[in-house]
Amino acid sequence: MAKTIDFDKFKTKAQKVNVEPSRKQPRISDDELKKMFYASEDKWYTLEDLNEIIGEVITVTVDNPKRTPINSRYLKRMYELTGDIWRQQTATLNGKRMVRFIRPEKKK
């Protein structure tokens, strides 16, 4: 016979305490994320400028040229929200790293 869960214990064992979330970074809402990506679509930004604009909300990797500037989780999240595949392109201009967000195949 399969074991069952006593759901009444969830009510009695729950603790009412103020707990801080382990993630300290502020999160960005879906609407704000969509606005940010659509506003910056096909426009080049230096990593320093992008970090100044969104650095408090989304971590921008400025120091390591081998890593992508924006975590790919945000691009995946945009795909889930819009149905479009989003990519980030990087380039170097006058010794400064640049990035832009594109949709290679826009939804018809």
C-alpha atoms as a PDB file:
ATOM      1  CA  MET A   1       0.000   0.000   0.000  1.00  0.00           C
ATOM      2  CA  ALA A   2       1.338   3.435  -0.941  1.00  0.00           C
ATOM      3  CA  LYS A   3       2.070   5.942   1.772  1.00  0.00           C
ATOM      4  CA  THR A   4      -0.083   9.037   2.010  1.00  0.00           C
ATOM      5  CA  ILE A   5       0.762  12.536   3.102  1.00  0.00           C
ATOM      6  CA  ASP A   6      -0.982  14.013   6.099  1.00  0.00           C
ATOM      7  CA  PHE A   7      -1.767  17.516   4.798  1.00  0.00           C
ATOM      8  CA  ASP A   8      -3.036  18.653   8.194  1.00  0.00           C
ATOM      9  CA  LYS A   9       0.564  18.586   9.393  1.00  0.00           C
ATOM     10  CA  PHE A  10       1.398  21.310   6.867  1.00  0.00           C
ATOM     11  CA  LYS A  11      -0.967  23.631   8.710  1.00  0.00           C
ATOM     12  CA  THR A  12       0.273  22.770  12.186  1.00  0.00           C
ATOM     13  CA  LYS A  13       3.999  22.689  11.372  1.00  0.00           C
ATOM     14  CA  ALA A  14       4.096  25.936   9.375  1.00  0.00           C
ATOM     15  CA  GLN A  15       6.071  28.674  11.062  1.00  0.00           C
ATOM     16  CA  LYS A  16       5.088  32.305  10.907  1.00  0.00           C
ATOM     17  CA  VAL A  17       8.411  34.120  10.851  1.00  0.00           C
ATOM     18  CA  ASN A  18       9.908  36.911   8.802  1.00  0.00           C
ATOM     19  CA  VAL A  19      12.362  35.209   6.489  1.00  0.00           C
ATOM     20  CA  GLU A  20      14.544  37.084   4.012  1.00  0.00           C
ATOM     21  CA  PRO A  21      14.789  35.493   0.571  1.00  0.00           C
ATOM     22  CA  SER A  22      18.202  34.015  -0.163  1.00  0.00           C
ATOM     23  CA  ARG A  23      18.345  35.872  -3.466  1.00  0.00           C
ATOM     24  CA  LYS A  24      19.507  39.405  -2.717  1.00  0.00           C
ATOM     25  CA  GLN A  25      19.304  40.787  -6.251  1.00  0.00           C
ATOM     26  CA  PRO A  26      16.151  42.695  -7.069  1.00  0.00           C
ATOM     27  CA  ARG A  27      14.011  40.945  -9.591  1.00  0.00           C
ATOM     28  CA  ILE A  28      12.512  42.442 -12.704  1.00  0.00           C
ATOM     29  CA  SER A  29       8.857  41.956 -13.562  1.00  0.00           C
ATOM     30  CA  ASP A  30       7.791  40.385 -16.836  1.00  0.00           C
ATOM     31  CA  ASP A  31       6.369  43.689 -18.095  1.00  0.00           C
ATOM     32  CA  GLU A  32       9.546  45.601 -17.266  1.00  0.00           C
ATOM     33  CA  LEU A  33      11.666  42.903 -18.915  1.00  0.00           C
ATOM     34  CA  LYS A  34       9.603  43.055 -22.105  1.00  0.00           C
ATOM     35  CA  LYS A  35       9.755  46.862 -22.161  1.00  0.00           C
ATOM     36  CA  MET A  36      13.522  46.772 -21.700  1.00  0.00           C
ATOM     37  CA  PHE A  37      14.136  44.266 -24.505  1.00  0.00           C
ATOM     38  CA  TYR A  38      11.759  45.917 -26.982  1.00  0.00           C
ATOM     39  CA  ALA A  39      13.192  49.381 -26.229  1.00  0.00           C
ATOM     40  CA  SER A  40      16.764  48.180 -26.734  1.00  0.00           C
ATOM     41  CA  GLU A  41      16.132  45.887 -29.709  1.00  0.00           C
ATOM     42  CA  ASP A  42      18.707  46.271 -32.535  1.00  0.00           C
ATOM     43  CA  LYS A  43      20.523  49.101 -30.706  1.00  0.00           C
ATOM     44  CA  TRP A  44      24.160  48.825 -29.674  1.00  0.00           C
ATOM     45  CA  TYR A  45      25.175  49.678 -26.087  1.00  0.00           C
ATOM     46  CA  THR A  46      28.567  49.645 -24.422  1.00  0.00           C
ATOM     47  CA  LEU A  47      28.622  47.276 -21.474  1.00  0.00           C
ATOM     48  CA  GLU A  48      29.396  50.173 -19.146  1.00  0.00           C
ATOM     49  CA  ASP A  49      26.324  52.097 -20.350  1.00  0.00           C
ATOM     50  CA  LEU A  50      24.123  49.019 -20.136  1.00  0.00           C
ATOM     51  CA  ASN A  51      25.392  48.316 -16.629  1.00  0.00           C
ATOM     52  CA  GLU A  52      24.587  51.910 -15.667  1.00  0.00           C
ATOM     53  CA  ILE A  53      21.055  51.600 -17.084  1.00  0.00           C
ATOM     54  CA  ILE A  54      20.016  48.151 -15.807  1.00  0.00           C
ATOM     55  CA  GLY A  55      22.832  47.125 -13.451  1.00  0.00           C
ATOM     56  CA  GLU A  56      20.716  47.503 -10.315  1.00  0.00           C
ATOM     57  CA  VAL A  57      18.095  45.098 -11.657  1.00  0.00           C
ATOM     58  CA  ILE A  58      19.997  42.713 -13.951  1.00  0.00           C
ATOM     59  CA  THR A  59      23.639  41.763 -13.506  1.00  0.00           C
ATOM     60  CA  VAL A  60      25.766  42.790 -16.491  1.00  0.00           C
ATOM     61  CA  THR A  61      29.075  40.941 -16.893  1.00  0.00           C
ATOM     62  CA  VAL A  62      31.510  43.717 -17.782  1.00  0.00           C
ATOM     63  CA  ASP A  63      34.894  42.281 -16.761  1.00  0.00           C
ATOM     64  CA  ASN A  64      35.014  38.852 -18.397  1.00  0.00           C
ATOM     65  CA  PRO A  65      35.044  38.941 -22.235  1.00  0.00           C
ATOM     66  CA  LYS A  66      34.541  35.163 -22.408  1.00  0.00           C
ATOM     67  CA  ARG A  67      31.121  35.361 -20.782  1.00  0.00           C
ATOM     68  CA  THR A  68      27.924  36.755 -22.226  1.00  0.00           C
ATOM     69  CA  PRO A  69      27.009  40.170 -20.838  1.00  0.00           C
ATOM     70  CA  ILE A  70      23.453  39.195 -19.815  1.00  0.00           C
ATOM     71  CA  ASN A  71      22.545  35.841 -18.294  1.00  0.00           C
ATOM     72  CA  SER A  72      20.821  33.652 -20.885  1.00  0.00           C
ATOM     73  CA  ARG A  73      17.981  33.012 -18.437  1.00  0.00           C
ATOM     74  CA  TYR A  74      16.564  36.450 -19.306  1.00  0.00           C
ATOM     75  CA  LEU A  75      16.617  35.599 -23.014  1.00  0.00           C
ATOM     76  CA  LYS A  76      14.856  32.309 -22.312  1.00  0.00           C
ATOM     77  CA  ARG A  77      12.317  34.135 -20.199  1.00  0.00           C
ATOM     78  CA  MET A  78      11.666  36.540 -23.084  1.00  0.00           C
ATOM     79  CA  TYR A  79      11.075  33.551 -25.362  1.00  0.00           C
ATOM     80  CA  GLU A  80       8.545  32.198 -22.890  1.00  0.00           C
ATOM     81  CA  LEU A  81       6.803  35.600 -22.713  1.00  0.00           C
ATOM     82  CA  THR A  82       6.794  36.563 -26.396  1.00  0.00           C
ATOM     83  CA  GLY A  83       7.280  33.369 -28.371  1.00  0.00           C
ATOM     84  CA  ASP A  84      10.218  34.992 -30.185  1.00  0.00           C
ATOM     85  CA  ILE A  85      13.792  33.756 -29.954  1.00  0.00           C
ATOM     86  CA  TRP A  86      16.024  36.488 -28.527  1.00  0.00           C
ATOM     87  CA  ARG A  87      19.801  36.632 -28.930  1.00  0.00           C
ATOM     88  CA  GLN A  88      22.531  38.938 -27.713  1.00  0.00           C
ATOM     89  CA  GLN A  89      25.296  39.926 -30.061  1.00  0.00           C
ATOM     90  CA  THR A  90      28.598  41.280 -28.854  1.00  0.00           C
ATOM     91  CA  ALA A  91      31.197  43.295 -30.710  1.00  0.00           C
ATOM     92  CA  THR A  92      34.174  45.500 -29.958  1.00  0.00           C
ATOM     93  CA  LEU A  93      34.411  49.118 -31.054  1.00  0.00           C
ATOM     94  CA  ASN A  94      37.491  51.190 -30.200  1.00  0.00           C
ATOM     95  CA  GLY A  95      38.446  48.723 -27.476  1.00  0.00           C
ATOM     96  CA  LYS A  96      35.007  48.807 -25.805  1.00  0.00           C
ATOM     97  CA  ARG A  97      32.712  45.811 -25.693  1.00  0.00           C
ATOM     98  CA  MET A  98      29.275  46.407 -27.132  1.00  0.00           C
ATOM     99  CA  VAL A  99      26.067  44.378 -26.958  1.00  0.00           C
ATOM    100  CA  ARG A 100      22.689  44.397 -28.674  1.00  0.00           C
ATOM    101  CA  PHE A 101      19.569  42.280 -28.408  1.00  0.00           C
ATOM    102  CA  ILE A 102      18.022  40.909 -31.574  1.00  0.00           C
ATOM    103  CA  ARG A 103      15.229  38.621 -32.697  1.00  0.00           C
ATOM    104  CA  PRO A 104      16.690  36.735 -35.686  1.00  0.00           C
ATOM    105  CA  GLU A 105      13.346  35.298 -36.727  1.00  0.00           C
ATOM    106  CA  LYS A 106      10.478  37.528 -35.664  1.00  0.00           C
ATOM    107  CA  LYS A 107       7.089  35.948 -35.131  1.00  0.00           C
ATOM    108  CA  LYS A 108       4.745  36.550 -38.079  1.00  0.00           C
END
